[in-house]
């Protein structure tokens, strides 16, 4: 409820300020930007909750079609690049040396890639680095996302794909979130007959 209430408070606060008196053009533009951004945040939270509900009830299904996985990764990079640039994060992408097509659900695969990339950017401090590589592994495609963020403690590492499990750290509190993204990633990857794992040398050493 706290995570849902936070963006709603911002939306209601700015809507109230803009309706009290005729705003200046700058204030109107600022208010609309804040309202739109927080509406997107709330929409994402609700979609995550709905996905988890579908997972729990066994009602989450994937479509089957031939997907260019390299295009999926590049779409994810396009989405996160503005956030990375705002934090001066160096994003490096190592492309596959051969085509990486697979049968799956393009929308759900984009969701997997976006979750991994957005997490990396969100928790990497300003001036840090995020690395992305894509290659083939037999009949499968393999993507690796690395960051120079706060890392994952050995105690948390076995539990990172569980629902509502998050590290307690200042960075996590600053960005909020429900702790559902990696759980959804895990389930979507398994529906595609794949596997996902997390590795980290420890706190303060990236993941």
N, C-alpha and C. Protein backbone atom coordinates (compact mmCIF):
# COMPACT_ATOMS: atom_id res chain seq x y z
N UNK A 1 0.83 -1.21 0.00
CA UNK A 1 0.00 0.00 0.00
C UNK A 1 0.87 1.26 0.00
N UNK A 2 2.02 1.19 0.70
CA UNK A 2 2.92 2.35 0.72
C UNK A 2 3.43 2.65 -0.68
N UNK A 3 3.84 1.59 -1.42
CA UNK A 3 4.39 1.80 -2.76
C UNK A 3 3.34 2.34 -3.72
N UNK A 4 2.09 1.95 -3.54
CA UNK A 4 1.02 2.48 -4.38
C UNK A 4 0.67 3.92 -4.00
N UNK A 5 0.75 4.22 -2.69
CA UNK A 5 0.34 5.53 -2.20
C UNK A 5 1.35 6.63 -2.58
N UNK A 6 2.63 6.30 -2.64
CA UNK A 6 3.65 7.31 -2.89
C UNK A 6 3.45 8.03 -4.23
N UNK A 7 3.34 7.31 -5.38
CA UNK A 7 3.09 8.04 -6.62
C UNK A 7 1.72 8.71 -6.66
N UNK A 8 0.73 8.10 -5.99
CA UNK A 8 -0.60 8.70 -5.96
C UNK A 8 -0.57 10.04 -5.22
N UNK A 9 0.20 10.13 -4.13
CA UNK A 9 0.32 11.40 -3.40
C UNK A 9 0.92 12.49 -4.29
N UNK A 10 1.93 12.12 -5.10
CA UNK A 10 2.55 13.10 -5.99
C UNK A 10 1.55 13.57 -7.04
N UNK A 11 0.78 12.65 -7.60
CA UNK A 11 -0.23 13.00 -8.61
C UNK A 11 -1.27 13.93 -8.01
N UNK A 12 -1.80 13.58 -6.84
CA UNK A 12 -2.85 14.38 -6.22
C UNK A 12 -2.32 15.74 -5.79
N UNK A 13 -1.09 15.77 -5.27
CA UNK A 13 -0.50 17.03 -4.82
C UNK A 13 -0.34 18.02 -5.95
N UNK A 14 0.22 17.56 -7.07
CA UNK A 14 0.43 18.46 -8.20
C UNK A 14 -0.89 18.83 -8.87
N UNK A 15 -1.84 17.90 -8.94
CA UNK A 15 -3.15 18.24 -9.51
C UNK A 15 -3.82 19.34 -8.69
N UNK A 16 -3.69 19.26 -7.36
CA UNK A 16 -4.27 20.28 -6.49
C UNK A 16 -3.59 21.63 -6.70
N UNK A 17 -2.24 21.62 -6.78
CA UNK A 17 -1.51 22.89 -6.96
C UNK A 17 -1.88 23.54 -8.30
N UNK A 18 -2.01 22.73 -9.35
CA UNK A 18 -2.30 23.29 -10.67
C UNK A 18 -3.73 23.80 -10.78
N UNK A 19 -4.63 23.29 -9.92
CA UNK A 19 -6.03 23.72 -9.99
C UNK A 19 -6.34 24.90 -9.09
N UNK A 20 -5.43 25.24 -8.15
CA UNK A 20 -5.70 26.32 -7.19
C UNK A 20 -5.62 27.70 -7.83
N UNK A 21 -4.70 27.87 -8.77
CA UNK A 21 -4.52 29.17 -9.41
C UNK A 21 -3.96 28.93 -10.80
N UNK A 22 -4.18 29.87 -11.73
CA UNK A 22 -3.61 29.68 -13.07
C UNK A 22 -2.08 29.54 -12.98
N UNK A 23 -1.52 28.39 -13.35
CA UNK A 23 -0.08 28.21 -13.23
C UNK A 23 0.67 28.88 -14.37
N UNK A 24 1.93 29.18 -14.11
CA UNK A 24 2.79 29.67 -15.18
C UNK A 24 3.06 28.53 -16.14
N UNK A 25 3.48 28.84 -17.39
CA UNK A 25 3.79 27.77 -18.34
C UNK A 25 4.83 26.79 -17.81
N UNK A 26 5.86 27.32 -17.10
CA UNK A 26 6.90 26.44 -16.56
C UNK A 26 6.34 25.52 -15.48
N UNK A 27 5.51 26.10 -14.59
CA UNK A 27 4.94 25.29 -13.51
C UNK A 27 3.97 24.25 -14.08
N UNK A 28 3.20 24.62 -15.10
CA UNK A 28 2.29 23.67 -15.72
C UNK A 28 3.04 22.51 -16.35
N UNK A 29 4.12 22.83 -17.08
CA UNK A 29 4.91 21.77 -17.72
C UNK A 29 5.53 20.85 -16.68
N UNK A 30 6.06 21.46 -15.60
CA UNK A 30 6.66 20.67 -14.53
C UNK A 30 5.62 19.76 -13.87
N UNK A 31 4.46 20.32 -13.56
CA UNK A 31 3.42 19.54 -12.91
C UNK A 31 2.95 18.38 -13.77
N UNK A 32 2.73 18.63 -15.06
CA UNK A 32 2.28 17.56 -15.94
C UNK A 32 3.33 16.46 -16.07
N UNK A 33 4.61 16.86 -16.08
CA UNK A 33 5.68 15.87 -16.17
C UNK A 33 5.70 14.98 -14.93
N UNK A 34 5.55 15.59 -13.75
CA UNK A 34 5.54 14.81 -12.50
C UNK A 34 4.33 13.88 -12.46
N UNK A 35 3.17 14.39 -12.86
CA UNK A 35 1.95 13.57 -12.86
C UNK A 35 2.11 12.38 -13.80
N UNK A 36 2.61 12.64 -15.00
CA UNK A 36 2.76 11.55 -15.98
C UNK A 36 3.77 10.52 -15.49
N UNK A 37 4.90 10.99 -14.96
CA UNK A 37 5.93 10.06 -14.49
C UNK A 37 5.41 9.16 -13.36
N UNK A 38 4.71 9.76 -12.41
CA UNK A 38 4.20 8.97 -11.29
C UNK A 38 3.05 8.06 -11.70
N UNK A 39 2.28 8.47 -12.69
CA UNK A 39 1.23 7.59 -13.21
C UNK A 39 1.86 6.36 -13.86
N UNK A 40 2.98 6.55 -14.56
CA UNK A 40 3.67 5.40 -15.16
C UNK A 40 4.22 4.48 -14.08
N UNK A 41 4.75 5.06 -13.00
CA UNK A 41 5.26 4.25 -11.89
C UNK A 41 4.13 3.40 -11.31
N UNK A 42 2.99 4.04 -11.06
CA UNK A 42 1.87 3.31 -10.46
C UNK A 42 1.34 2.24 -11.42
N UNK A 43 1.29 2.54 -12.69
CA UNK A 43 0.85 1.56 -13.69
C UNK A 43 1.78 0.34 -13.67
N UNK A 44 3.09 0.58 -13.57
CA UNK A 44 4.04 -0.52 -13.52
C UNK A 44 3.86 -1.39 -12.29
N UNK A 45 3.62 -0.75 -11.14
CA UNK A 45 3.40 -1.50 -9.90
C UNK A 45 2.16 -2.38 -10.03
N UNK A 46 1.09 -1.81 -10.56
CA UNK A 46 -0.15 -2.56 -10.71
C UNK A 46 0.04 -3.73 -11.68
N UNK A 47 0.77 -3.51 -12.76
CA UNK A 47 1.02 -4.60 -13.72
C UNK A 47 1.83 -5.71 -13.07
N UNK A 48 2.80 -5.35 -12.23
CA UNK A 48 3.57 -6.38 -11.52
C UNK A 48 2.67 -7.20 -10.60
N UNK A 49 1.80 -6.50 -9.87
CA UNK A 49 0.89 -7.21 -8.95
C UNK A 49 -0.03 -8.15 -9.74
N UNK A 50 -0.53 -7.69 -10.88
CA UNK A 50 -1.40 -8.53 -11.70
C UNK A 50 -0.64 -9.74 -12.24
N UNK A 51 0.62 -9.53 -12.66
CA UNK A 51 1.42 -10.65 -13.15
C UNK A 51 1.64 -11.69 -12.05
N UNK A 52 1.96 -11.23 -10.84
CA UNK A 52 2.17 -12.16 -9.74
C UNK A 52 0.89 -12.91 -9.43
N UNK A 53 -0.25 -12.22 -9.51
CA UNK A 53 -1.54 -12.89 -9.29
C UNK A 53 -1.75 -13.99 -10.34
N UNK A 54 -1.41 -13.70 -11.59
CA UNK A 54 -1.55 -14.71 -12.64
C UNK A 54 -0.60 -15.88 -12.42
N UNK A 55 0.62 -15.58 -11.94
CA UNK A 55 1.59 -16.64 -11.66
C UNK A 55 1.08 -17.55 -10.56
N UNK A 56 0.58 -16.96 -9.46
CA UNK A 56 0.10 -17.73 -8.31
C UNK A 56 -1.07 -18.64 -8.71
N UNK A 57 -1.95 -18.12 -9.57
CA UNK A 57 -3.13 -18.89 -9.95
C UNK A 57 -2.88 -19.77 -11.17
N UNK A 58 -1.67 -19.72 -11.72
CA UNK A 58 -1.35 -20.54 -12.89
C UNK A 58 -1.98 -20.06 -14.18
N UNK A 59 -2.32 -18.77 -14.24
CA UNK A 59 -3.01 -18.23 -15.42
C UNK A 59 -2.12 -17.38 -16.32
N UNK A 60 -0.82 -17.34 -16.05
CA UNK A 60 0.06 -16.56 -16.92
C UNK A 60 0.51 -17.44 -18.08
N UNK A 61 0.21 -17.00 -19.29
CA UNK A 61 0.53 -17.77 -20.48
C UNK A 61 1.46 -16.96 -21.38
N UNK A 62 2.24 -17.67 -22.18
CA UNK A 62 3.11 -16.98 -23.14
C UNK A 62 2.72 -17.38 -24.55
N UNK A 63 2.94 -16.45 -25.48
CA UNK A 63 2.72 -16.72 -26.90
C UNK A 63 3.97 -17.39 -27.47
N UNK A 64 3.82 -18.04 -28.61
CA UNK A 64 4.94 -18.74 -29.23
C UNK A 64 5.12 -18.24 -30.66
N UNK A 65 6.24 -17.58 -30.91
CA UNK A 65 6.59 -17.15 -32.27
C UNK A 65 8.10 -16.98 -32.34
N UNK A 66 8.62 -16.91 -33.55
CA UNK A 66 10.05 -16.74 -33.72
C UNK A 66 10.42 -15.30 -33.36
N UNK A 67 11.39 -15.15 -32.45
CA UNK A 67 11.77 -13.83 -31.93
C UNK A 67 13.25 -13.58 -32.19
N UNK A 68 13.57 -12.39 -32.69
CA UNK A 68 14.96 -11.94 -32.81
C UNK A 68 15.37 -11.40 -31.44
N UNK A 69 16.10 -12.19 -30.67
CA UNK A 69 16.40 -11.81 -29.30
C UNK A 69 17.35 -10.61 -29.25
N UNK A 70 18.18 -10.45 -30.26
CA UNK A 70 19.05 -9.27 -30.28
C UNK A 70 18.22 -8.00 -30.38
N UNK A 71 17.15 -8.02 -31.16
CA UNK A 71 16.27 -6.85 -31.26
C UNK A 71 15.58 -6.59 -29.92
N UNK A 72 15.23 -7.67 -29.18
CA UNK A 72 14.62 -7.52 -27.86
C UNK A 72 15.58 -6.82 -26.90
N UNK A 73 16.86 -7.23 -26.91
CA UNK A 73 17.85 -6.62 -26.04
C UNK A 73 18.06 -5.16 -26.41
N UNK A 74 18.14 -4.87 -27.70
CA UNK A 74 18.34 -3.48 -28.13
C UNK A 74 17.15 -2.60 -27.77
N UNK A 75 15.94 -3.16 -27.83
CA UNK A 75 14.75 -2.40 -27.39
C UNK A 75 14.88 -2.04 -25.91
N UNK A 76 15.32 -3.01 -25.09
CA UNK A 76 15.51 -2.75 -23.66
C UNK A 76 16.55 -1.69 -23.41
N UNK A 77 17.63 -1.73 -24.17
CA UNK A 77 18.67 -0.71 -24.02
C UNK A 77 18.15 0.68 -24.38
N UNK A 78 17.34 0.76 -25.43
CA UNK A 78 16.76 2.05 -25.82
C UNK A 78 15.93 2.64 -24.69
N UNK A 79 15.21 1.78 -23.96
CA UNK A 79 14.33 2.26 -22.88
C UNK A 79 15.14 2.79 -21.70
N UNK A 80 16.22 2.10 -21.34
CA UNK A 80 16.94 2.49 -20.12
C UNK A 80 18.04 3.53 -20.36
N UNK A 81 18.40 3.80 -21.61
CA UNK A 81 19.51 4.72 -21.87
C UNK A 81 19.29 6.13 -21.31
N UNK A 82 18.08 6.71 -21.39
CA UNK A 82 17.91 8.05 -20.79
C UNK A 82 18.20 8.05 -19.29
N UNK A 83 17.74 7.02 -18.57
CA UNK A 83 18.01 6.94 -17.12
C UNK A 83 19.49 6.77 -16.86
N UNK A 84 20.15 5.96 -17.69
CA UNK A 84 21.59 5.76 -17.52
C UNK A 84 22.35 7.06 -17.79
N UNK A 85 21.96 7.78 -18.84
CA UNK A 85 22.63 9.04 -19.18
C UNK A 85 22.45 10.07 -18.08
N UNK A 86 21.26 10.10 -17.46
CA UNK A 86 21.00 11.06 -16.38
C UNK A 86 21.91 10.83 -15.19
N UNK A 87 22.38 9.58 -15.00
CA UNK A 87 23.27 9.25 -13.88
C UNK A 87 24.72 9.10 -14.34
N UNK A 88 24.98 9.44 -15.61
CA UNK A 88 26.34 9.33 -16.17
C UNK A 88 26.88 7.90 -16.02
N UNK A 89 26.00 6.92 -16.26
CA UNK A 89 26.40 5.51 -16.21
C UNK A 89 26.85 5.07 -17.58
N UNK A 90 28.01 4.45 -17.64
CA UNK A 90 28.57 3.95 -18.89
C UNK A 90 27.96 2.58 -19.19
N UNK A 91 27.11 2.51 -20.24
CA UNK A 91 26.48 1.25 -20.63
C UNK A 91 27.23 0.67 -21.82
N UNK A 92 27.75 -0.52 -21.65
CA UNK A 92 28.52 -1.17 -22.72
C UNK A 92 27.80 -2.44 -23.16
N UNK A 93 27.60 -2.58 -24.45
CA UNK A 93 26.85 -3.70 -25.00
C UNK A 93 27.74 -4.51 -25.93
N UNK A 94 27.93 -5.78 -25.62
CA UNK A 94 28.69 -6.70 -26.47
C UNK A 94 27.70 -7.55 -27.24
N UNK A 95 27.60 -7.30 -28.54
CA UNK A 95 26.62 -7.99 -29.36
C UNK A 95 27.02 -9.44 -29.64
N UNK A 96 26.03 -10.25 -29.99
CA UNK A 96 26.29 -11.64 -30.33
C UNK A 96 27.05 -11.73 -31.65
N UNK A 97 27.89 -12.73 -31.75
CA UNK A 97 28.68 -12.91 -32.97
C UNK A 97 27.90 -13.65 -34.05
N UNK A 98 26.71 -14.18 -33.70
CA UNK A 98 25.85 -14.86 -34.67
C UNK A 98 24.40 -14.58 -34.31
N UNK A 99 23.48 -14.81 -35.25
CA UNK A 99 22.06 -14.53 -34.97
C UNK A 99 21.55 -15.26 -33.74
N UNK A 100 20.71 -14.58 -32.95
CA UNK A 100 20.14 -15.16 -31.74
C UNK A 100 18.62 -15.14 -31.83
N UNK A 101 18.07 -16.02 -32.66
CA UNK A 101 16.62 -16.14 -32.76
C UNK A 101 16.16 -17.30 -31.90
N UNK A 102 14.98 -17.16 -31.31
CA UNK A 102 14.41 -18.24 -30.51
C UNK A 102 12.89 -18.15 -30.56
N UNK A 103 12.24 -19.23 -30.15
CA UNK A 103 10.78 -19.26 -30.12
C UNK A 103 10.32 -18.82 -28.74
N UNK A 104 9.46 -17.82 -28.68
CA UNK A 104 8.99 -17.33 -27.40
C UNK A 104 7.99 -16.20 -27.58
N UNK A 105 7.75 -15.51 -26.48
CA UNK A 105 6.79 -14.42 -26.44
C UNK A 105 7.57 -13.11 -26.44
N UNK A 106 7.54 -12.34 -27.54
CA UNK A 106 8.37 -11.13 -27.60
C UNK A 106 8.06 -10.12 -26.51
N UNK A 107 6.78 -9.97 -26.16
CA UNK A 107 6.40 -8.99 -25.12
C UNK A 107 6.96 -9.42 -23.77
N UNK A 108 6.85 -10.70 -23.45
CA UNK A 108 7.33 -11.18 -22.16
C UNK A 108 8.86 -11.20 -22.11
N UNK A 109 9.50 -11.48 -23.22
CA UNK A 109 10.97 -11.45 -23.25
C UNK A 109 11.47 -10.01 -23.07
N UNK A 110 10.77 -9.05 -23.66
CA UNK A 110 11.13 -7.64 -23.43
C UNK A 110 10.99 -7.29 -21.95
N UNK A 111 9.95 -7.82 -21.31
CA UNK A 111 9.74 -7.58 -19.89
C UNK A 111 10.91 -8.12 -19.06
N UNK A 112 11.39 -9.31 -19.41
CA UNK A 112 12.55 -9.91 -18.72
C UNK A 112 13.77 -9.00 -18.87
N UNK A 113 14.08 -8.64 -20.11
CA UNK A 113 15.28 -7.84 -20.37
C UNK A 113 15.17 -6.47 -19.71
N UNK A 114 14.00 -5.83 -19.81
CA UNK A 114 13.84 -4.51 -19.22
C UNK A 114 14.01 -4.57 -17.71
N UNK A 115 13.46 -5.59 -17.06
CA UNK A 115 13.61 -5.72 -15.62
C UNK A 115 15.09 -5.83 -15.23
N UNK A 116 15.83 -6.66 -15.93
CA UNK A 116 17.24 -6.84 -15.60
C UNK A 116 18.03 -5.56 -15.82
N UNK A 117 17.79 -4.90 -16.95
CA UNK A 117 18.54 -3.68 -17.26
C UNK A 117 18.15 -2.53 -16.33
N UNK A 118 16.86 -2.38 -16.07
CA UNK A 118 16.43 -1.26 -15.23
C UNK A 118 16.92 -1.44 -13.80
N UNK A 119 16.95 -2.68 -13.31
CA UNK A 119 17.51 -2.94 -11.98
C UNK A 119 18.97 -2.52 -11.93
N UNK A 120 19.72 -2.89 -12.96
CA UNK A 120 21.15 -2.58 -12.99
C UNK A 120 21.37 -1.07 -12.95
N UNK A 121 20.60 -0.33 -13.76
CA UNK A 121 20.75 1.13 -13.80
C UNK A 121 20.27 1.76 -12.50
N UNK A 122 19.15 1.25 -11.97
CA UNK A 122 18.56 1.83 -10.76
C UNK A 122 19.54 1.77 -9.58
N UNK A 123 20.22 0.63 -9.42
CA UNK A 123 21.04 0.43 -8.24
C UNK A 123 22.52 0.73 -8.46
N UNK A 124 22.90 1.11 -9.68
CA UNK A 124 24.28 1.51 -9.92
C UNK A 124 24.44 2.99 -9.62
N UNK A 125 25.42 3.36 -8.80
CA UNK A 125 25.57 4.79 -8.47
C UNK A 125 26.03 5.60 -9.67
N UNK A 126 25.85 6.92 -9.57
CA UNK A 126 26.26 7.82 -10.64
C UNK A 126 27.73 7.60 -10.98
N UNK A 127 28.02 7.60 -12.29
CA UNK A 127 29.38 7.40 -12.74
C UNK A 127 29.79 5.94 -12.82
N UNK A 128 28.86 5.03 -12.54
CA UNK A 128 29.17 3.61 -12.56
C UNK A 128 29.10 3.02 -13.96
N UNK A 129 29.06 1.71 -14.01
CA UNK A 129 29.10 1.02 -15.30
C UNK A 129 28.12 -0.15 -15.30
N UNK A 130 27.45 -0.33 -16.43
CA UNK A 130 26.58 -1.48 -16.66
C UNK A 130 27.03 -2.16 -17.95
N UNK A 131 27.27 -3.45 -17.86
CA UNK A 131 27.68 -4.21 -19.03
C UNK A 131 26.61 -5.20 -19.44
N UNK A 132 26.38 -5.33 -20.73
CA UNK A 132 25.39 -6.26 -21.27
C UNK A 132 26.06 -7.05 -22.39
N UNK A 133 25.94 -8.37 -22.34
CA UNK A 133 26.47 -9.19 -23.43
C UNK A 133 25.43 -10.21 -23.84
N UNK A 134 25.45 -10.55 -25.12
CA UNK A 134 24.51 -11.52 -25.68
C UNK A 134 25.28 -12.49 -26.55
N UNK A 135 25.02 -13.78 -26.38
CA UNK A 135 25.62 -14.78 -27.25
C UNK A 135 24.75 -16.03 -27.29
N UNK A 136 25.17 -16.96 -28.09
CA UNK A 136 24.45 -18.23 -28.16
C UNK A 136 25.08 -19.21 -27.19
N UNK A 137 24.24 -20.10 -26.65
CA UNK A 137 24.71 -21.18 -25.78
C UNK A 137 24.01 -22.45 -26.26
N UNK A 138 24.57 -23.08 -27.28
CA UNK A 138 23.91 -24.22 -27.90
C UNK A 138 22.67 -23.77 -28.63
N UNK A 139 21.51 -24.33 -28.26
CA UNK A 139 20.25 -23.94 -28.90
C UNK A 139 19.60 -22.74 -28.22
N UNK A 140 20.23 -22.23 -27.19
CA UNK A 140 19.64 -21.13 -26.41
C UNK A 140 20.37 -19.81 -26.68
N UNK A 141 19.73 -18.73 -26.27
CA UNK A 141 20.38 -17.41 -26.24
C UNK A 141 20.71 -17.10 -24.79
N UNK A 142 21.85 -16.47 -24.57
CA UNK A 142 22.27 -16.13 -23.20
C UNK A 142 22.56 -14.64 -23.12
N UNK A 143 21.94 -13.99 -22.16
CA UNK A 143 22.21 -12.58 -21.90
C UNK A 143 22.80 -12.47 -20.50
N UNK A 144 23.85 -11.66 -20.36
CA UNK A 144 24.48 -11.40 -19.08
C UNK A 144 24.44 -9.90 -18.83
N UNK A 145 23.92 -9.51 -17.66
CA UNK A 145 23.86 -8.11 -17.26
C UNK A 145 24.72 -7.94 -16.01
N UNK A 146 25.69 -7.05 -16.08
CA UNK A 146 26.60 -6.81 -14.96
C UNK A 146 26.54 -5.34 -14.56
N UNK A 147 26.73 -5.06 -13.27
CA UNK A 147 26.74 -3.67 -12.83
C UNK A 147 27.78 -3.46 -11.74
N UNK A 148 28.04 -2.21 -11.45
CA UNK A 148 28.99 -1.83 -10.39
C UNK A 148 28.22 -1.25 -9.20
N UNK A 149 27.04 -1.80 -8.96
CA UNK A 149 26.19 -1.34 -7.87
C UNK A 149 26.57 -1.91 -6.53
N UNK A 150 25.63 -1.91 -5.57
CA UNK A 150 25.94 -2.27 -4.19
C UNK A 150 26.18 -3.76 -3.96
N UNK A 151 25.95 -4.58 -4.99
CA UNK A 151 26.17 -6.01 -4.82
C UNK A 151 25.07 -6.67 -4.01
N UNK A 152 25.23 -7.97 -3.82
CA UNK A 152 24.23 -8.76 -3.09
C UNK A 152 24.96 -9.56 -2.02
N UNK A 153 24.48 -9.50 -0.81
CA UNK A 153 25.13 -10.22 0.28
C UNK A 153 24.95 -11.73 0.10
N UNK A 154 25.89 -12.53 0.63
CA UNK A 154 25.75 -13.99 0.52
C UNK A 154 24.45 -14.50 1.15
N UNK A 155 23.96 -13.81 2.18
CA UNK A 155 22.72 -14.23 2.84
C UNK A 155 21.50 -14.05 1.93
N UNK A 156 21.49 -12.95 1.15
CA UNK A 156 20.35 -12.66 0.29
C UNK A 156 20.41 -13.39 -1.04
N UNK A 157 21.61 -13.69 -1.52
CA UNK A 157 21.80 -14.21 -2.87
C UNK A 157 20.89 -15.39 -3.20
N UNK A 158 20.72 -16.40 -2.32
CA UNK A 158 19.85 -17.53 -2.68
C UNK A 158 18.37 -17.16 -2.76
N UNK A 159 18.01 -15.94 -2.32
CA UNK A 159 16.59 -15.58 -2.21
C UNK A 159 16.18 -14.44 -3.15
N UNK A 160 17.07 -14.00 -4.03
CA UNK A 160 16.77 -12.79 -4.82
C UNK A 160 15.60 -12.97 -5.77
N UNK A 161 15.26 -14.21 -6.14
CA UNK A 161 14.15 -14.42 -7.07
C UNK A 161 12.85 -14.76 -6.35
N UNK A 162 12.83 -14.61 -5.02
CA UNK A 162 11.61 -14.83 -4.26
C UNK A 162 10.79 -13.53 -4.22
N UNK A 163 9.47 -13.68 -4.16
CA UNK A 163 8.61 -12.50 -4.11
C UNK A 163 8.84 -11.70 -2.83
N UNK A 164 8.88 -10.38 -2.99
CA UNK A 164 8.97 -9.41 -1.89
C UNK A 164 10.30 -9.47 -1.14
N UNK A 165 11.32 -10.14 -1.71
CA UNK A 165 12.63 -10.18 -1.05
C UNK A 165 13.51 -9.08 -1.61
N UNK A 166 13.99 -8.19 -0.75
CA UNK A 166 14.85 -7.09 -1.14
C UNK A 166 15.90 -6.86 -0.08
N UNK A 167 17.04 -6.34 -0.52
CA UNK A 167 18.07 -5.96 0.45
C UNK A 167 17.65 -4.67 1.14
N UNK A 168 17.95 -4.57 2.41
CA UNK A 168 17.71 -3.33 3.13
C UNK A 168 18.94 -2.46 3.04
N UNK A 169 18.88 -1.45 2.18
CA UNK A 169 20.02 -0.55 2.00
C UNK A 169 19.48 0.82 1.62
N UNK A 170 20.25 1.89 1.81
CA UNK A 170 19.77 3.23 1.47
C UNK A 170 19.34 3.35 0.02
N UNK A 171 20.06 2.69 -0.92
CA UNK A 171 19.71 2.77 -2.33
C UNK A 171 18.34 2.17 -2.59
N UNK A 172 18.09 1.02 -1.98
CA UNK A 172 16.79 0.37 -2.15
C UNK A 172 15.67 1.24 -1.61
N UNK A 173 15.87 1.86 -0.44
CA UNK A 173 14.82 2.69 0.14
C UNK A 173 14.56 3.92 -0.72
N UNK A 174 15.61 4.46 -1.32
CA UNK A 174 15.45 5.65 -2.15
C UNK A 174 14.62 5.37 -3.39
N UNK A 175 14.73 4.14 -3.94
CA UNK A 175 14.05 3.83 -5.19
C UNK A 175 12.75 3.09 -5.00
N UNK A 176 12.50 2.58 -3.82
CA UNK A 176 11.25 1.88 -3.57
C UNK A 176 11.16 0.58 -4.35
N UNK A 177 9.94 0.21 -4.69
CA UNK A 177 9.73 -1.04 -5.40
C UNK A 177 9.15 -2.09 -4.48
N UNK A 178 8.49 -3.08 -5.09
CA UNK A 178 7.80 -4.11 -4.33
C UNK A 178 8.62 -5.36 -4.13
N UNK A 179 9.73 -5.50 -4.85
CA UNK A 179 10.48 -6.75 -4.77
C UNK A 179 9.82 -7.85 -5.57
N UNK A 180 9.15 -7.49 -6.68
CA UNK A 180 8.47 -8.47 -7.51
C UNK A 180 9.16 -8.69 -8.86
N UNK A 181 9.97 -7.73 -9.30
CA UNK A 181 10.53 -7.77 -10.65
C UNK A 181 11.31 -9.03 -10.94
N UNK A 182 12.25 -9.39 -10.05
CA UNK A 182 13.08 -10.57 -10.30
C UNK A 182 12.29 -11.86 -10.16
N UNK A 183 11.28 -11.87 -9.30
CA UNK A 183 10.41 -13.04 -9.20
C UNK A 183 9.67 -13.27 -10.51
N UNK A 184 9.18 -12.20 -11.11
CA UNK A 184 8.49 -12.30 -12.40
C UNK A 184 9.46 -12.74 -13.48
N UNK A 185 10.67 -12.16 -13.48
CA UNK A 185 11.70 -12.58 -14.44
C UNK A 185 11.93 -14.09 -14.35
N UNK A 186 12.10 -14.59 -13.13
CA UNK A 186 12.37 -16.01 -12.92
C UNK A 186 11.25 -16.87 -13.52
N UNK A 187 10.02 -16.48 -13.28
CA UNK A 187 8.90 -17.27 -13.77
C UNK A 187 8.80 -17.21 -15.30
N UNK A 188 8.98 -16.02 -15.87
CA UNK A 188 8.89 -15.88 -17.33
C UNK A 188 10.00 -16.67 -18.03
N UNK A 189 11.20 -16.63 -17.46
CA UNK A 189 12.31 -17.39 -18.06
C UNK A 189 12.01 -18.89 -18.01
N UNK A 190 11.48 -19.36 -16.89
CA UNK A 190 11.15 -20.78 -16.78
C UNK A 190 10.04 -21.18 -17.75
N UNK A 191 9.07 -20.29 -17.99
CA UNK A 191 8.03 -20.58 -18.97
C UNK A 191 8.62 -20.72 -20.37
N UNK A 192 9.76 -20.08 -20.61
CA UNK A 192 10.47 -20.21 -21.90
C UNK A 192 11.49 -21.35 -21.87
N UNK A 193 11.37 -22.22 -20.85
CA UNK A 193 12.26 -23.38 -20.69
C UNK A 193 13.72 -22.94 -20.56
N UNK A 194 13.93 -21.82 -19.91
CA UNK A 194 15.27 -21.30 -19.68
C UNK A 194 15.61 -21.30 -18.20
N UNK A 195 16.72 -20.67 -17.87
CA UNK A 195 17.18 -20.58 -16.49
C UNK A 195 17.76 -19.19 -16.26
N UNK A 196 17.69 -18.73 -15.02
CA UNK A 196 18.25 -17.43 -14.65
C UNK A 196 18.93 -17.57 -13.30
N UNK A 197 20.05 -16.89 -13.12
CA UNK A 197 20.74 -16.93 -11.83
C UNK A 197 21.40 -15.59 -11.57
N UNK A 198 21.66 -15.34 -10.30
CA UNK A 198 22.33 -14.11 -9.87
C UNK A 198 23.66 -14.47 -9.23
N UNK A 199 24.65 -13.63 -9.49
CA UNK A 199 25.98 -13.82 -8.89
C UNK A 199 26.47 -12.47 -8.39
N UNK A 200 27.18 -12.48 -7.26
CA UNK A 200 27.78 -11.26 -6.73
C UNK A 200 28.94 -11.62 -5.80
N UNK A 201 30.05 -10.91 -5.90
CA UNK A 201 31.15 -11.15 -4.97
C UNK A 201 30.84 -10.68 -3.54
N UNK A 202 29.75 -9.93 -3.39
CA UNK A 202 29.38 -9.46 -2.05
C UNK A 202 29.02 -7.99 -2.05
N UNK A 203 28.70 -7.46 -0.88
CA UNK A 203 28.29 -6.07 -0.73
C UNK A 203 29.31 -5.10 -1.28
N UNK A 204 28.83 -4.13 -2.06
CA UNK A 204 29.68 -3.09 -2.62
C UNK A 204 30.53 -3.52 -3.80
N UNK A 205 30.26 -4.71 -4.34
CA UNK A 205 31.13 -5.22 -5.40
C UNK A 205 30.35 -5.60 -6.66
N UNK A 206 29.17 -5.04 -6.82
CA UNK A 206 28.43 -5.27 -8.07
C UNK A 206 27.76 -6.63 -8.11
N UNK A 207 27.05 -6.87 -9.22
CA UNK A 207 26.31 -8.13 -9.40
C UNK A 207 26.22 -8.44 -10.88
